[in-house]
N, C-alpha and C. Protein backbone atom coordinates (compact mmCIF):
# COMPACT_ATOMS: atom_id res chain seq x y z
N MET A 1 -21.25 12.51 22.40
CA MET A 1 -21.72 10.91 22.22
C MET A 1 -21.07 11.14 20.27
N LEU A 2 -20.94 11.90 19.75
CA LEU A 2 -20.59 12.29 18.22
C LEU A 2 -19.61 11.88 18.27
N LYS A 3 -18.54 12.90 19.10
CA LYS A 3 -17.32 12.46 19.00
C LYS A 3 -16.42 10.92 19.49
N PHE A 4 -17.59 10.09 20.02
CA PHE A 4 -16.96 9.50 20.54
C PHE A 4 -17.12 8.16 19.58
N PHE A 5 -17.69 7.98 18.50
CA PHE A 5 -18.28 7.55 17.56
C PHE A 5 -17.39 7.57 16.30
N LYS A 6 -16.87 9.23 16.46
CA LYS A 6 -16.12 9.46 15.06
C LYS A 6 -14.42 8.89 15.32
N LYS A 7 -14.30 8.96 17.13
CA LYS A 7 -13.00 7.37 17.40
C LYS A 7 -13.54 6.46 16.52
N LYS A 8 -13.96 6.37 17.71
CA LYS A 8 -14.87 4.59 16.71
C LYS A 8 -14.01 3.90 15.15
N THR A 9 -14.98 4.77 14.64
CA THR A 9 -14.96 4.54 12.81
C THR A 9 -13.69 4.72 12.87
N ALA A 10 -13.27 6.00 12.99
CA ALA A 10 -11.26 6.58 12.53
C ALA A 10 -10.62 5.07 12.76
N ALA A 11 -10.55 4.12 14.34
CA ALA A 11 -10.23 3.56 14.56
C ALA A 11 -9.93 1.95 14.08
N ALA A 12 -11.60 1.91 13.69
CA ALA A 12 -12.09 0.51 12.51
C ALA A 12 -11.02 1.08 11.14
N LYS A 13 -11.21 1.87 10.35
CA LYS A 13 -10.59 1.94 9.24
C LYS A 13 -9.02 1.80 10.12
N VAL A 14 -8.40 2.33 10.66
CA VAL A 14 -6.99 2.15 10.48
C VAL A 14 -6.92 0.21 10.55
N THR A 15 -7.91 -0.40 11.02
CA THR A 15 -7.34 -1.61 11.80
C THR A 15 -8.11 -2.53 10.47
N LEU A 16 -8.79 -2.02 9.72
CA LEU A 16 -9.12 -2.71 8.64
C LEU A 16 -8.37 -2.43 7.32
N HIS A 17 -7.94 -0.89 7.48
CA HIS A 17 -6.33 -1.07 6.10
C HIS A 17 -5.20 -1.53 7.00
N LYS A 18 -5.30 -1.45 7.69
CA LYS A 18 -4.33 -2.72 8.50
C LYS A 18 -4.10 -4.10 8.31
N VAL A 19 -5.91 -5.01 8.31
CA VAL A 19 -6.08 -6.21 7.37
C VAL A 19 -5.26 -5.91 5.90
N GLU A 20 -6.04 -4.96 5.36
CA GLU A 20 -6.12 -5.22 4.34
C GLU A 20 -4.06 -4.93 3.10
N ASN A 21 -3.45 -4.57 4.03
CA ASN A 21 -1.98 -4.69 3.44
C ASN A 21 -1.16 -5.40 4.34
N ARG A 22 -1.63 -6.18 5.09
CA ARG A 22 -0.76 -7.55 5.81
C ARG A 22 -0.11 -7.96 4.32
N ASP A 23 -0.65 -8.54 3.76
CA ASP A 23 -0.29 -9.28 2.26
C ASP A 23 0.74 -8.56 1.56
N LEU A 24 0.22 -7.92 1.90
CA LEU A 24 1.79 -6.50 1.41
C LEU A 24 2.86 -6.03 2.43
N MET A 25 2.95 -6.07 3.02
CA MET A 25 3.95 -6.22 3.65
C MET A 25 4.45 -7.83 3.95
N GLU A 26 4.23 -8.98 4.26
CA GLU A 26 3.98 -9.88 4.23
C GLU A 26 5.12 -10.74 3.19
N ALA A 27 4.57 -10.28 1.81
CA ALA A 27 4.94 -10.35 0.32
C ALA A 27 6.13 -9.61 0.26
N ILE A 28 6.38 -8.08 0.34
CA ILE A 28 7.35 -7.69 0.74
C ILE A 28 8.51 -7.79 1.12
N VAL A 29 8.18 -8.18 2.97
CA VAL A 29 9.03 -8.61 3.88
C VAL A 29 10.54 -10.62 3.21
N ALA A 30 8.67 -11.07 2.68
CA ALA A 30 9.19 -12.65 2.37
C ALA A 30 10.22 -12.65 0.72
N GLY A 31 9.79 -11.52 -0.19
CA GLY A 31 11.26 -11.22 -1.27
C GLY A 31 12.11 -11.10 -0.94
N ALA A 32 11.92 -10.01 0.51
CA ALA A 32 13.26 -9.52 0.09
C ALA A 32 13.98 -10.38 0.96
N ILE A 33 13.44 -11.48 2.14
CA ILE A 33 14.64 -12.02 2.41
C ILE A 33 15.51 -13.59 1.48
N LEU A 34 13.79 -13.43 0.96
CA LEU A 34 15.17 -14.38 -0.58
C LEU A 34 15.55 -13.81 -0.90
N VAL A 35 16.02 -12.57 -1.79
CA VAL A 35 16.85 -12.31 -2.18
C VAL A 35 18.54 -12.13 -1.43
N ALA A 36 17.37 -11.81 -0.11
CA ALA A 36 19.20 -10.97 1.15
C ALA A 36 19.84 -12.62 1.43
N TYR A 37 19.06 -13.58 1.40
CA TYR A 37 19.94 -14.89 1.85
C TYR A 37 19.72 -15.59 0.43
N ALA A 38 20.62 -14.54 -0.73
CA ALA A 38 20.14 -15.73 -2.38
C ALA A 38 22.07 -15.69 -2.42
N ASP A 39 22.84 -15.48 -1.50
CA ASP A 39 23.94 -15.92 -1.65
C ASP A 39 24.55 -16.35 -0.38
N GLY A 40 23.38 -16.91 0.67
CA GLY A 40 23.21 -17.73 1.84
C GLY A 40 23.49 -17.11 2.98
N ASP A 41 24.18 -15.38 2.71
CA ASP A 41 24.42 -14.63 3.77
C ASP A 41 23.46 -13.50 3.73
N CYS A 42 22.84 -13.55 4.64
CA CYS A 42 22.14 -12.38 4.65
C CYS A 42 22.19 -10.82 5.86
N SER A 43 22.69 -10.11 5.08
CA SER A 43 23.78 -8.72 5.67
C SER A 43 22.87 -7.50 6.64
N PRO A 44 23.82 -6.75 7.50
CA PRO A 44 22.86 -5.80 8.00
C PRO A 44 21.94 -4.75 7.72
N ASP A 45 23.22 -5.06 5.92
CA ASP A 45 22.82 -3.52 5.87
C ASP A 45 21.72 -3.99 4.66
N GLU A 46 21.55 -5.35 3.82
CA GLU A 46 20.19 -5.65 4.07
C GLU A 46 18.10 -5.95 4.82
N LEU A 47 19.07 -5.71 5.59
CA LEU A 47 17.90 -6.09 6.26
C LEU A 47 17.33 -4.64 7.08
N LEU A 48 18.50 -3.40 7.20
CA LEU A 48 18.15 -2.95 7.24
C LEU A 48 17.54 -1.54 6.00
N LYS A 49 17.68 -2.00 5.02
CA LYS A 49 17.25 -1.48 3.72
C LYS A 49 16.05 -1.77 3.74
N LEU A 50 15.38 -2.85 4.17
CA LEU A 50 13.85 -3.08 4.12
C LEU A 50 13.17 -2.77 4.84
N GLN A 51 13.83 -2.86 5.89
CA GLN A 51 12.68 -1.82 7.49
C GLN A 51 12.68 -0.91 7.20
N ASP A 52 13.80 0.09 6.20
CA ASP A 52 13.68 1.94 5.59
C ASP A 52 12.47 1.88 4.85
N ILE A 53 12.82 1.30 3.84
CA ILE A 53 11.84 1.04 2.66
C ILE A 53 10.61 0.93 2.95
N ILE A 54 10.16 -0.47 4.13
CA ILE A 54 8.71 -0.31 4.44
C ILE A 54 8.20 1.03 5.61
N GLU A 55 8.76 1.19 6.46
CA GLU A 55 8.29 3.01 7.22
C GLU A 55 7.95 3.68 6.57
N SER A 56 8.99 3.60 4.81
CA SER A 56 8.56 5.15 4.81
C SER A 56 7.56 4.81 3.21
N ASN A 57 7.34 3.43 4.01
CA ASN A 57 5.62 3.15 2.36
C ASN A 57 4.57 3.81 3.36
N ASP A 58 3.99 4.63 2.86
CA ASP A 58 2.96 4.82 3.33
C ASP A 58 1.63 4.07 3.93
N ASN A 59 1.72 3.11 2.82
CA ASN A 59 0.23 1.36 2.56
C ASN A 59 1.60 1.03 4.30
N LEU A 60 1.86 1.02 4.60
CA LEU A 60 2.99 0.07 5.53
C LEU A 60 4.05 0.35 6.82
N LYS A 61 3.87 1.93 6.34
CA LYS A 61 4.57 2.12 7.79
C LYS A 61 3.25 2.36 8.97
N HIS A 62 1.42 2.08 9.19
CA HIS A 62 1.59 1.96 10.43
C HIS A 62 1.63 0.20 10.78
N PHE A 63 2.11 -0.90 10.15
CA PHE A 63 2.32 -1.81 11.12
C PHE A 63 3.89 -1.50 12.32
N GLY A 64 4.30 -0.77 12.08
CA GLY A 64 5.50 -0.20 13.29
C GLY A 64 5.95 -1.62 13.71
N SER A 65 6.31 -2.15 14.86
CA SER A 65 6.80 -2.79 15.57
C SER A 65 7.11 -4.12 14.47
N ASP A 66 5.70 -4.23 14.05
CA ASP A 66 5.25 -6.24 13.10
C ASP A 66 6.32 -6.14 12.39
N ILE A 67 6.29 -4.97 11.68
CA ILE A 67 7.88 -5.26 10.48
C ILE A 67 8.75 -6.06 10.95
N GLY A 68 9.90 -5.47 12.63
CA GLY A 68 10.36 -5.88 12.44
C GLY A 68 10.35 -7.13 12.99
N SER A 69 9.66 -8.00 13.70
CA SER A 69 9.22 -9.49 14.04
C SER A 69 8.70 -9.96 12.48
N THR A 70 8.25 -9.76 11.45
CA THR A 70 8.10 -10.64 10.44
C THR A 70 9.51 -10.68 10.04
N ILE A 71 9.59 -9.94 9.79
CA ILE A 71 11.44 -9.74 9.67
C ILE A 71 12.11 -11.05 9.44
N ASP A 72 12.37 -10.50 11.42
CA ASP A 72 12.94 -11.75 12.48
C ASP A 72 12.18 -13.37 12.01
N LYS A 73 11.02 -13.33 12.36
CA LYS A 73 10.55 -14.46 12.08
C LYS A 73 11.08 -15.18 10.20
N TYR A 74 10.59 -14.29 9.57
CA TYR A 74 11.41 -14.87 8.73
C TYR A 74 13.15 -14.75 7.73
N SER A 75 13.27 -14.67 8.61
CA SER A 75 14.89 -14.70 8.79
C SER A 75 15.65 -15.37 9.53
N ALA A 76 14.81 -16.29 10.58
CA ALA A 76 14.61 -17.49 11.77
C ALA A 76 14.56 -18.66 10.50
N MET A 77 13.36 -18.37 10.29
CA MET A 77 12.96 -19.04 9.11
C MET A 77 13.66 -19.73 7.88
N TYR A 78 14.66 -18.91 7.63
CA TYR A 78 15.43 -19.32 6.45
C TYR A 78 16.27 -20.05 6.57
N GLU A 79 17.34 -19.55 8.18
CA GLU A 79 18.14 -20.12 9.06
C GLU A 79 18.32 -21.32 9.08
N SER A 80 16.80 -22.13 9.80
CA SER A 80 16.84 -23.17 10.20
C SER A 80 15.97 -24.18 9.02
N GLY A 81 16.34 -23.83 7.81
CA GLY A 81 16.12 -24.86 6.68
C GLY A 81 15.20 -24.21 5.36
N LYS A 82 16.00 -23.66 4.39
CA LYS A 82 15.96 -22.87 3.19
C LYS A 82 15.19 -23.15 2.62
N ARG A 83 14.95 -24.58 2.73
CA ARG A 83 14.32 -25.16 1.59
C ARG A 83 12.55 -24.62 1.95
N ILE A 84 12.27 -24.98 2.91
CA ILE A 84 11.19 -25.06 3.57
C ILE A 84 10.67 -23.66 3.74
N ALA A 85 11.72 -22.85 4.11
CA ALA A 85 11.27 -21.66 4.16
C ALA A 85 11.62 -20.60 2.86
N LYS A 86 11.97 -21.09 2.01
CA LYS A 86 11.44 -20.64 0.42
C LYS A 86 10.36 -21.43 0.16
N MET A 87 9.78 -22.56 0.04
CA MET A 87 8.62 -22.92 0.00
C MET A 87 6.94 -21.27 0.48
N LYS A 88 7.58 -21.89 1.30
CA LYS A 88 6.57 -20.29 2.69
C LYS A 88 6.28 -19.29 2.05
N LEU A 89 7.94 -18.58 2.03
CA LEU A 89 8.35 -17.89 1.09
C LEU A 89 7.47 -16.53 -0.14
N MET A 90 7.56 -17.95 -0.32
CA MET A 90 6.88 -17.79 -2.26
C MET A 90 5.46 -17.97 -1.88
N LYS A 91 5.32 -18.56 -1.30
CA LYS A 91 3.23 -18.72 -0.61
C LYS A 91 3.33 -16.77 -0.15
N GLU A 92 3.62 -16.33 0.45
CA GLU A 92 3.04 -15.53 1.09
C GLU A 92 3.50 -14.51 -0.57
N LEU A 93 4.36 -14.82 -1.14
CA LEU A 93 4.47 -13.36 -2.58
C LEU A 93 3.49 -14.08 -3.28
N ALA A 94 2.57 -15.46 -3.27
CA ALA A 94 1.54 -15.53 -4.66
C ALA A 94 0.01 -14.76 -3.34
N ASP A 95 0.43 -14.80 -2.29
CA ASP A 95 -0.87 -14.00 -1.38
C ASP A 95 -1.19 -12.98 -2.47
N VAL A 96 -0.09 -11.87 -2.49
CA VAL A 96 -0.28 -10.15 -4.07
C VAL A 96 -0.46 -10.82 -5.80
N SER A 97 -0.55 -12.05 -5.59
CA SER A 97 -0.24 -11.80 -7.96
C SER A 97 -1.40 -11.31 -7.94
N ALA A 98 -1.89 -11.95 -7.50
CA ALA A 98 -3.36 -11.13 -8.62
C ALA A 98 -3.84 -9.32 -8.67
N ASP A 99 -2.96 -8.61 -7.31
CA ASP A 99 -3.31 -7.77 -7.22
C ASP A 99 -1.74 -6.57 -8.77
N GLU A 100 -2.40 -6.34 -8.89
CA GLU A 100 -1.01 -5.93 -10.47
C GLU A 100 -0.01 -4.82 -9.69
N GLU A 101 -0.98 -3.79 -8.88
CA GLU A 101 0.44 -2.68 -8.38
C GLU A 101 0.83 -3.25 -6.68
N GLN A 102 0.05 -4.24 -7.04
CA GLN A 102 1.38 -4.95 -5.11
C GLN A 102 2.11 -5.86 -5.04
N LYS A 103 1.94 -6.40 -6.17
CA LYS A 103 3.07 -6.83 -7.23
C LYS A 103 4.53 -7.00 -8.12
N ILE A 104 4.25 -5.80 -7.98
CA ILE A 104 5.10 -5.46 -8.49
C ILE A 104 5.15 -4.33 -7.48
N GLU A 105 5.06 -3.67 -7.12
CA GLU A 105 5.81 -2.93 -5.67
C GLU A 105 6.66 -4.14 -4.82
N ALA A 106 6.14 -5.34 -4.73
CA ALA A 106 6.69 -6.08 -3.87
C ALA A 106 8.19 -6.85 -4.59
N PHE A 107 8.23 -6.29 -6.15
CA PHE A 107 9.18 -6.91 -6.63
C PHE A 107 10.34 -5.90 -6.71
N ILE A 108 9.60 -5.00 -7.27
CA ILE A 108 10.40 -3.23 -7.26
C ILE A 108 11.40 -3.71 -6.28
N ILE A 109 10.65 -3.87 -4.22
CA ILE A 109 11.44 -3.43 -3.27
C ILE A 109 12.80 -4.95 -3.38
N ALA A 110 12.48 -5.72 -4.32
CA ALA A 110 13.16 -7.52 -3.74
C ALA A 110 14.02 -6.83 -4.62
N ILE A 111 14.14 -6.23 -5.56
CA ILE A 111 14.96 -5.65 -6.08
C ILE A 111 16.01 -5.03 -5.54
N GLU A 112 15.81 -3.49 -4.97
CA GLU A 112 16.12 -2.09 -4.63
C GLU A 112 17.19 -4.21 -3.25
N ILE A 113 16.63 -4.26 -2.78
CA ILE A 113 17.16 -5.27 -1.28
C ILE A 113 17.89 -6.50 -2.05
N ALA A 114 17.94 -6.69 -3.41
CA ALA A 114 19.13 -6.89 -3.80
C ALA A 114 20.49 -6.15 -4.44
N ASP A 115 20.31 -4.59 -4.19
CA ASP A 115 20.96 -3.70 -5.13
C ASP A 115 21.28 -3.15 -3.75
N ALA A 116 21.53 -3.57 -2.18
CA ALA A 116 21.85 -2.96 -0.92
C ALA A 116 23.74 -2.39 -0.76
N ASP A 117 23.62 -2.89 -1.69
CA ASP A 117 25.47 -3.39 -1.37
C ASP A 117 25.81 -2.87 -2.88
N GLY A 118 24.88 -2.74 -3.36
CA GLY A 118 25.20 -1.40 -4.88
C GLY A 118 25.47 -2.49 -6.17
N GLU A 119 25.47 -3.49 -6.10
CA GLU A 119 25.64 -4.83 -6.67
C GLU A 119 24.43 -6.06 -6.95
N ILE A 120 24.04 -6.03 -8.23
CA ILE A 120 23.60 -7.29 -7.80
C ILE A 120 24.05 -8.56 -8.61
N ASP A 121 24.10 -10.11 -7.94
CA ASP A 121 25.08 -10.46 -8.30
C ASP A 121 24.05 -11.91 -8.86
N GLU A 122 24.71 -12.90 -9.63
CA GLU A 122 24.16 -13.43 -10.18
C GLU A 122 22.74 -14.76 -9.31
N LYS A 123 23.48 -15.00 -8.22
CA LYS A 123 22.61 -15.34 -7.76
C LYS A 123 21.23 -14.81 -7.22
N GLU A 124 21.56 -13.09 -6.73
CA GLU A 124 20.11 -12.90 -6.58
C GLU A 124 19.39 -12.69 -7.91
N ILE A 125 20.18 -12.01 -9.00
CA ILE A 125 19.11 -12.65 -9.95
C ILE A 125 18.36 -13.25 -10.42
N ALA A 126 19.34 -14.39 -9.88
CA ALA A 126 18.10 -16.14 -10.47
C ALA A 126 17.05 -16.02 -8.91
N VAL A 127 17.48 -15.62 -8.31
CA VAL A 127 16.15 -15.44 -7.18
C VAL A 127 14.74 -14.45 -7.36
N LEU A 128 15.10 -13.33 -8.14
CA LEU A 128 14.69 -12.57 -8.80
C LEU A 128 13.93 -13.37 -9.81
N LYS A 129 14.79 -14.35 -10.72
CA LYS A 129 14.00 -14.48 -11.98
C LYS A 129 13.06 -15.27 -11.89
N GLU A 130 12.97 -15.94 -9.80
CA GLU A 130 12.07 -16.75 -10.11
C GLU A 130 10.50 -16.07 -9.17
N ILE A 131 10.59 -14.98 -8.24
CA ILE A 131 9.76 -13.85 -8.41
C ILE A 131 9.13 -13.44 -9.18
N GLY A 132 9.90 -13.40 -10.36
CA GLY A 132 9.51 -12.58 -11.21
C GLY A 132 8.02 -13.48 -12.17
N LYS A 133 9.17 -14.58 -12.58
CA LYS A 133 7.93 -15.99 -12.27
C LYS A 133 6.69 -16.26 -11.75
N GLN A 134 7.17 -15.90 -10.71
CA GLN A 134 5.72 -16.50 -10.11
C GLN A 134 4.96 -14.73 -9.86
N PHE A 135 5.29 -13.71 -10.25
CA PHE A 135 4.47 -12.48 -10.67
C PHE A 135 4.34 -12.44 -11.69
N GLY A 136 4.77 -12.74 -12.65
CA GLY A 136 4.26 -12.45 -14.59
C GLY A 136 4.77 -11.42 -14.89
N LEU A 137 6.49 -11.55 -14.14
CA LEU A 137 6.83 -10.46 -14.67
C LEU A 137 8.62 -9.86 -15.39
N ASN A 138 8.94 -10.09 -16.11
CA ASN A 138 10.10 -10.15 -16.67
C ASN A 138 11.26 -8.90 -15.45
N PRO A 139 12.53 -9.51 -14.98
CA PRO A 139 13.15 -9.13 -14.24
C PRO A 139 14.39 -8.23 -15.10
N ASP A 140 14.29 -8.39 -16.24
CA ASP A 140 14.98 -7.22 -16.89
C ASP A 140 14.23 -6.16 -17.50
N SER A 141 12.98 -6.15 -17.91
CA SER A 141 11.98 -4.63 -17.29
C SER A 141 12.41 -3.93 -16.25
N TYR A 142 12.67 -4.18 -14.89
CA TYR A 142 12.95 -3.85 -13.72
C TYR A 142 14.24 -3.67 -13.57
N ILE A 143 14.88 -4.25 -13.64
CA ILE A 143 16.59 -3.88 -13.30
C ILE A 143 17.29 -2.31 -13.75
């Protein structure tokens, strides 16, 4: 009987951890999609790098297939209407703006995605500045 309760407790902890970090995962994907589409085209390398970054993050790897579906959802949203997508993705970023550690993590990952091809262009910098402004962070301090 005790073993049963330990299993249930462990499962509840995993579920709670997943709920707590969903905003972070969604903010990371939102920032990455905004940066990836900054030049009008999102390369497969940028999306692959995003998935690799999230899957290697101990706080997020438990999302599994949710990561890919969130990337697909936000990409489709952006491709169907960039203005409305931008508004919604910036709201996802706002969800972590009260947590200093999470907003810095989401911001640094957005920078990593911008640098996926080895160069951060002017359009990507402009998007990073918008994200930085949302978070109260200066991109120059992180690039």
